[in-house]
N, C-alpha and C. Protein backbone atom coordinates (compact mmCIF):
# COMPACT_ATOMS: atom_id res chain seq x y z
N UNK A 1 90.01 145.36 -70.63
CA UNK A 1 89.82 144.75 -71.57
C UNK A 1 88.85 145.85 -72.41
N UNK A 2 88.28 146.93 -71.99
CA UNK A 2 86.94 147.59 -72.74
C UNK A 2 88.08 148.86 -73.48
N UNK A 3 89.38 148.60 -73.16
CA UNK A 3 90.38 149.98 -74.28
C UNK A 3 90.41 149.64 -75.39
N UNK A 4 90.03 148.43 -75.92
CA UNK A 4 90.59 147.99 -77.24
C UNK A 4 89.38 148.25 -77.68
N UNK A 5 88.49 147.84 -77.52
CA UNK A 5 87.31 148.21 -78.10
C UNK A 5 86.88 149.84 -79.17
N UNK A 6 87.03 150.64 -77.97
CA UNK A 6 87.30 152.10 -78.06
C UNK A 6 88.50 152.39 -78.60
N UNK A 7 89.36 152.00 -78.84
CA UNK A 7 90.99 152.51 -79.79
C UNK A 7 90.10 151.98 -80.95
N UNK A 8 89.87 151.12 -81.33
CA UNK A 8 89.24 150.84 -82.87
C UNK A 8 87.83 151.52 -82.73
N UNK A 9 87.18 152.15 -82.11
CA UNK A 9 86.27 152.65 -82.56
C UNK A 9 86.55 153.83 -82.70
N UNK A 10 87.53 154.62 -82.16
CA UNK A 10 88.15 156.03 -82.19
C UNK A 10 88.97 156.25 -83.63
N UNK A 11 89.84 155.03 -83.40
CA UNK A 11 90.13 154.59 -85.47
C UNK A 11 89.49 154.65 -86.31
N UNK A 12 88.60 154.16 -86.24
CA UNK A 12 87.15 154.32 -87.16
C UNK A 12 86.81 155.54 -87.56
N UNK A 13 86.45 156.24 -86.38
CA UNK A 13 85.85 157.42 -86.31
C UNK A 13 86.86 158.16 -86.91
N UNK A 14 87.84 158.27 -86.41
CA UNK A 14 89.07 159.23 -87.49
C UNK A 14 89.47 159.14 -88.71
N UNK A 15 89.29 157.65 -89.25
CA UNK A 15 89.36 157.73 -90.62
C UNK A 15 87.70 158.17 -91.46
N UNK A 16 87.09 157.82 -90.94
CA UNK A 16 85.85 158.85 -91.24
C UNK A 16 85.75 160.28 -91.43
N UNK A 17 86.27 160.92 -90.18
CA UNK A 17 86.39 162.07 -90.38
C UNK A 17 87.16 162.90 -91.67
N UNK A 18 88.53 162.05 -91.46
CA UNK A 18 89.76 162.66 -92.82
C UNK A 18 88.93 161.91 -94.00
N UNK A 19 87.97 161.21 -94.53
CA UNK A 19 87.47 160.76 -95.28
C UNK A 19 86.48 161.82 -96.13
N UNK A 20 85.54 162.31 -94.92
CA UNK A 20 84.46 163.33 -95.01
C UNK A 20 85.01 164.93 -95.30
N UNK A 21 86.25 165.00 -94.80
CA UNK A 21 86.88 166.26 -95.20
C UNK A 21 87.85 166.39 -96.42
N UNK A 22 88.44 165.10 -96.76
CA UNK A 22 88.76 165.11 -98.03
C UNK A 22 87.86 165.38 -99.23
N UNK A 23 86.33 164.52 -99.06
CA UNK A 23 85.58 164.97 -100.23
C UNK A 23 84.82 166.38 -99.80
N UNK A 24 84.89 167.00 -98.71
CA UNK A 24 84.36 168.30 -98.65
C UNK A 24 85.21 169.10 -99.36
N UNK A 25 87.03 168.70 -99.47
CA UNK A 25 87.56 169.56 -99.46
C UNK A 25 88.71 169.51 -100.83
N UNK A 26 87.72 168.53 -101.48
CA UNK A 26 88.41 167.58 -102.79
C UNK A 26 89.26 168.51 -103.95
N UNK A 27 88.09 169.31 -104.13
CA UNK A 27 88.55 170.25 -105.19
C UNK A 27 89.65 171.43 -104.91
N UNK A 28 89.94 171.37 -103.48
CA UNK A 28 90.86 172.44 -102.91
C UNK A 28 92.25 171.50 -102.95
N UNK A 29 92.18 170.16 -102.68
CA UNK A 29 93.32 169.33 -102.32
C UNK A 29 93.31 168.52 -104.05
N UNK A 30 93.25 168.70 -104.84
CA UNK A 30 93.51 168.48 -106.03
C UNK A 30 94.01 169.40 -106.49
N UNK A 31 93.78 171.01 -106.97
CA UNK A 31 94.70 171.75 -107.03
C UNK A 31 96.04 171.58 -106.45
N UNK A 32 96.21 171.67 -104.73
CA UNK A 32 97.53 171.70 -104.23
C UNK A 32 97.60 170.28 -104.47
N UNK A 33 97.41 169.07 -105.37
CA UNK A 33 98.29 168.36 -105.97
C UNK A 33 98.98 168.59 -107.31
N UNK A 34 98.18 169.59 -107.81
CA UNK A 34 97.95 169.95 -109.48
C UNK A 34 99.97 170.88 -109.06
N UNK A 35 99.46 171.93 -107.66
CA UNK A 35 100.62 172.58 -107.68
C UNK A 35 101.88 171.84 -107.18
N UNK A 36 101.76 170.92 -106.61
CA UNK A 36 102.59 169.64 -106.12
C UNK A 36 103.82 169.46 -107.20
N UNK A 37 102.93 168.81 -107.91
CA UNK A 37 102.90 168.37 -109.50
C UNK A 37 104.19 168.89 -110.15
N UNK A 38 104.01 170.37 -110.17
CA UNK A 38 104.80 171.52 -110.33
C UNK A 38 105.67 171.93 -109.67
N UNK A 39 106.04 171.31 -108.49
CA UNK A 39 107.13 171.89 -107.79
C UNK A 39 106.72 173.42 -106.58
N UNK A 40 105.51 173.33 -106.48
CA UNK A 40 105.08 174.45 -105.37
C UNK A 40 104.65 173.66 -104.30
N UNK A 41 104.76 174.13 -103.11
CA UNK A 41 104.00 173.68 -101.98
C UNK A 41 102.79 174.96 -101.98
N UNK A 42 101.38 174.98 -102.05
CA UNK A 42 100.74 175.54 -101.78
C UNK A 42 99.62 175.64 -100.75
N UNK A 43 98.85 176.15 -100.01
CA UNK A 43 97.61 175.54 -99.23
C UNK A 43 96.51 176.27 -100.33
N UNK A 44 95.67 175.60 -100.87
CA UNK A 44 94.46 176.18 -101.87
C UNK A 44 92.98 175.96 -100.69
N UNK A 45 91.99 176.84 -101.33
CA UNK A 45 90.72 176.90 -101.32
C UNK A 45 89.72 177.42 -102.05
N UNK A 46 88.44 177.09 -101.93
CA UNK A 46 87.46 177.39 -103.20
C UNK A 46 86.78 178.73 -102.61
N UNK A 47 86.52 179.70 -103.56
CA UNK A 47 85.74 180.56 -103.25
C UNK A 47 84.73 180.82 -104.08
N UNK A 48 83.37 181.27 -103.52
CA UNK A 48 82.24 181.55 -104.67
C UNK A 48 82.23 183.34 -104.51
N UNK A 49 82.52 183.65 -106.11
CA UNK A 49 82.54 185.13 -106.48
C UNK A 49 81.63 185.30 -107.52
N UNK A 50 80.68 186.31 -107.38
CA UNK A 50 80.06 186.79 -108.74
C UNK A 50 79.00 185.31 -109.80
N UNK A 51 78.87 184.56 -108.52
CA UNK A 51 78.50 183.06 -109.39
C UNK A 51 79.48 182.15 -109.94
N UNK A 52 80.84 182.64 -109.83
CA UNK A 52 81.74 181.48 -109.85
C UNK A 52 82.54 181.07 -109.32
N UNK A 53 83.07 179.78 -109.54
CA UNK A 53 83.96 179.20 -108.50
C UNK A 53 85.51 179.12 -108.64
N UNK A 54 86.01 179.69 -107.70
CA UNK A 54 87.27 179.81 -107.92
C UNK A 54 88.35 179.47 -106.78
N UNK A 55 89.57 178.93 -107.68
CA UNK A 55 90.73 178.39 -106.73
C UNK A 55 91.68 179.44 -106.54
N UNK A 56 91.68 179.43 -104.78
CA UNK A 56 92.88 180.25 -104.46
C UNK A 56 93.88 179.57 -103.82
N UNK A 57 94.84 179.61 -104.22
CA UNK A 57 96.14 178.96 -103.73
C UNK A 57 97.28 180.10 -102.96
N UNK A 58 97.81 180.00 -102.15
CA UNK A 58 98.71 180.52 -101.42
C UNK A 58 99.60 179.68 -100.72
N UNK A 59 101.15 180.39 -100.91
CA UNK A 59 102.13 179.96 -100.73
C UNK A 59 101.91 179.62 -99.15
N UNK A 60 103.19 178.49 -98.64
CA UNK A 60 103.08 178.38 -97.22
C UNK A 60 103.21 179.21 -96.37
N UNK A 61 103.83 180.84 -96.88
CA UNK A 61 104.19 181.88 -96.15
C UNK A 61 103.01 182.66 -96.19
N UNK A 62 102.08 182.03 -97.04
CA UNK A 62 100.69 183.24 -96.94
C UNK A 62 100.28 184.26 -98.08
N UNK A 63 101.47 184.08 -99.13
CA UNK A 63 101.70 184.99 -100.21
C UNK A 63 100.38 184.65 -101.23
N UNK A 64 99.99 185.19 -102.07
CA UNK A 64 99.16 184.70 -103.07
C UNK A 64 100.05 183.84 -103.99
N UNK A 65 99.81 183.00 -104.36
CA UNK A 65 100.19 182.22 -105.25
C UNK A 65 99.27 182.28 -106.71
N UNK A 66 98.55 181.00 -106.89
CA UNK A 66 97.57 180.82 -108.47
C UNK A 66 96.15 181.04 -108.18
N UNK A 67 95.74 181.33 -109.04
CA UNK A 67 94.28 181.61 -108.86
C UNK A 67 93.75 180.99 -110.11
N UNK A 68 92.25 180.17 -110.03
CA UNK A 68 91.82 179.27 -110.97
C UNK A 68 90.02 179.74 -111.04
N UNK A 69 89.95 179.56 -112.47
CA UNK A 69 88.49 179.40 -112.00
C UNK A 69 87.74 178.37 -112.84
N UNK A 70 86.96 177.97 -112.32
CA UNK A 70 86.36 176.34 -112.75
C UNK A 70 85.17 176.75 -113.71
N UNK A 71 85.49 176.14 -114.79
CA UNK A 71 84.27 175.84 -115.96
C UNK A 71 84.07 175.05 -116.40
N UNK A 72 83.34 174.31 -115.86
CA UNK A 72 82.33 172.78 -116.09
C UNK A 72 83.64 171.88 -115.38
N UNK A 73 83.92 172.18 -114.42
CA UNK A 73 84.97 170.89 -114.09
C UNK A 73 86.51 171.07 -114.69
N UNK A 74 86.57 172.13 -115.39
CA UNK A 74 87.98 172.38 -116.04
C UNK A 74 88.60 173.54 -115.15
N UNK A 75 89.95 173.72 -114.81
CA UNK A 75 90.29 174.72 -114.00
C UNK A 75 90.91 175.98 -114.60
N UNK A 76 90.70 176.93 -115.15
CA UNK A 76 91.34 177.71 -116.03
C UNK A 76 92.24 178.75 -115.12
N UNK A 77 93.37 178.72 -115.81
CA UNK A 77 94.63 179.74 -115.48
C UNK A 77 93.79 180.98 -114.96
N UNK A 78 94.14 181.92 -114.21
CA UNK A 78 93.58 183.31 -113.74
C UNK A 78 94.21 183.87 -113.38
N UNK A 79 95.78 183.61 -113.19
CA UNK A 79 96.66 184.71 -113.37
C UNK A 79 97.97 184.14 -113.39
N UNK A 80 99.26 184.95 -113.63
CA UNK A 80 100.68 184.14 -113.76
C UNK A 80 100.97 183.23 -113.25
N UNK A 81 100.95 183.43 -112.06
CA UNK A 81 101.02 182.08 -110.98
C UNK A 81 100.65 180.39 -111.68
N UNK A 82 99.33 180.74 -112.19
CA UNK A 82 98.83 179.54 -112.68
C UNK A 82 99.13 178.97 -113.70
N UNK A 83 99.46 180.05 -114.80
CA UNK A 83 99.88 179.94 -116.07
C UNK A 83 101.21 179.30 -115.80
N UNK A 84 101.94 179.91 -114.91
CA UNK A 84 103.48 178.74 -114.84
C UNK A 84 103.34 177.60 -114.26
N UNK A 85 102.19 177.05 -113.67
CA UNK A 85 101.91 175.85 -112.80
C UNK A 85 101.20 175.32 -114.33
N UNK A 86 100.53 175.69 -115.13
CA UNK A 86 100.14 174.97 -116.23
C UNK A 86 101.39 174.52 -117.35
N UNK A 87 102.45 175.64 -117.41
CA UNK A 87 103.56 175.26 -118.71
C UNK A 87 104.29 174.64 -117.58
N UNK A 88 104.63 174.52 -116.42
CA UNK A 88 105.35 173.29 -115.66
C UNK A 88 105.17 171.96 -115.79
N UNK A 89 103.85 171.62 -115.81
CA UNK A 89 102.80 170.44 -116.06
C UNK A 89 102.93 170.12 -117.58
N UNK A 90 103.42 171.31 -118.45
CA UNK A 90 103.61 170.61 -119.63
C UNK A 90 104.79 169.47 -120.21
N UNK A 91 105.71 169.53 -119.16
CA UNK A 91 106.68 168.78 -118.94
C UNK A 91 106.66 167.48 -117.44
N UNK A 92 105.85 167.53 -116.87
CA UNK A 92 106.00 166.57 -116.50
C UNK A 92 105.35 165.43 -116.87
N UNK A 93 105.51 164.29 -116.39
CA UNK A 93 105.13 162.93 -116.96
C UNK A 93 104.25 161.99 -116.42
N UNK A 94 103.81 162.14 -115.19
CA UNK A 94 102.94 161.43 -114.42
C UNK A 94 102.00 162.49 -114.01
N UNK A 95 100.51 162.56 -114.64
CA UNK A 95 99.63 163.63 -114.74
C UNK A 95 98.05 162.77 -113.82
N UNK A 96 98.69 161.51 -113.40
CA UNK A 96 97.14 160.85 -113.23
C UNK A 96 96.75 161.57 -111.63
N UNK A 97 95.58 161.28 -111.63
CA UNK A 97 94.58 161.68 -110.91
C UNK A 97 95.11 163.05 -110.26
N UNK A 98 95.14 163.79 -111.37
CA UNK A 98 94.86 165.58 -111.59
C UNK A 98 93.81 166.03 -112.16
N UNK A 99 93.43 167.01 -111.76
CA UNK A 99 92.43 167.67 -112.32
C UNK A 99 92.59 168.02 -113.76
N UNK A 100 91.75 168.27 -114.52
CA UNK A 100 92.01 168.99 -116.07
C UNK A 100 92.34 170.70 -115.47
N UNK A 101 93.05 171.04 -115.93
CA UNK A 101 93.71 172.28 -115.84
C UNK A 101 94.10 172.91 -117.16
N UNK A 102 94.18 173.96 -117.43
CA UNK A 102 94.50 174.71 -118.96
C UNK A 102 94.57 175.91 -118.80
N UNK A 103 95.36 176.54 -119.55
CA UNK A 103 95.10 178.20 -120.22
C UNK A 103 94.35 178.46 -121.00
N UNK A 104 93.35 179.20 -120.84
CA UNK A 104 92.20 179.93 -122.40
C UNK A 104 92.99 180.92 -123.19
N UNK A 105 93.16 180.42 -123.94
CA UNK A 105 94.17 182.15 -124.67
C UNK A 105 92.77 182.63 -125.63
N UNK A 106 91.98 182.11 -125.71
CA UNK A 106 90.71 182.84 -126.66
C UNK A 106 89.90 183.77 -125.32
N UNK A 107 89.24 183.30 -124.32
CA UNK A 107 88.65 184.11 -123.47
C UNK A 107 89.19 183.52 -121.86
N UNK A 108 90.46 184.36 -121.72
CA UNK A 108 90.78 184.10 -119.98
C UNK A 108 90.36 184.83 -119.11
N UNK A 109 90.08 184.24 -118.08
CA UNK A 109 89.06 184.74 -117.07
C UNK A 109 89.58 185.99 -116.52
N UNK A 110 88.82 186.74 -115.95
CA UNK A 110 88.87 188.21 -114.96
C UNK A 110 88.75 187.74 -114.04
N UNK A 111 89.86 187.83 -112.85
CA UNK A 111 90.08 187.40 -111.62
C UNK A 111 89.12 188.90 -111.06
N UNK A 112 88.45 188.64 -110.11
CA UNK A 112 87.91 189.70 -109.16
C UNK A 112 88.92 190.38 -108.61
N UNK A 113 89.32 191.59 -108.27
CA UNK A 113 90.23 192.65 -107.54
C UNK A 113 90.50 191.88 -106.76
N UNK A 114 89.60 191.62 -105.67
CA UNK A 114 89.85 191.11 -103.87
C UNK A 114 90.05 189.81 -104.15
N UNK A 115 90.05 188.81 -104.84
CA UNK A 115 90.39 186.76 -104.59
C UNK A 115 91.54 187.00 -103.83
N UNK A 116 92.44 187.56 -104.18
CA UNK A 116 93.72 187.10 -103.74
C UNK A 116 94.11 187.75 -102.72
N UNK A 117 93.15 188.91 -102.12
CA UNK A 117 93.76 189.82 -100.45
C UNK A 117 93.56 189.01 -99.29
């Protein structure tokens, strides 16, 4: 009979671990949701370079996909693939629970050369 409380404890611990992981990777997960809404399946990570936060997304096969610069909570498209995501989102109807993404025409970001390596 001790197995039931043990299973419940393990289930609660697993849910807490999943919640903590989601909170720690919330920006990367948000960029993955943006790409998913645009019809692309990617894995994203957050990288700090030259004092900036960059979102780096790769296709499931590991090939470089989109790059994003975090400017005060808005993700700015930093390469052609990210610009395509922004363009595709212009035609999407459901944008709830997605982070702010945009293309900056006046001051586009300069992506570090080694960001997508």
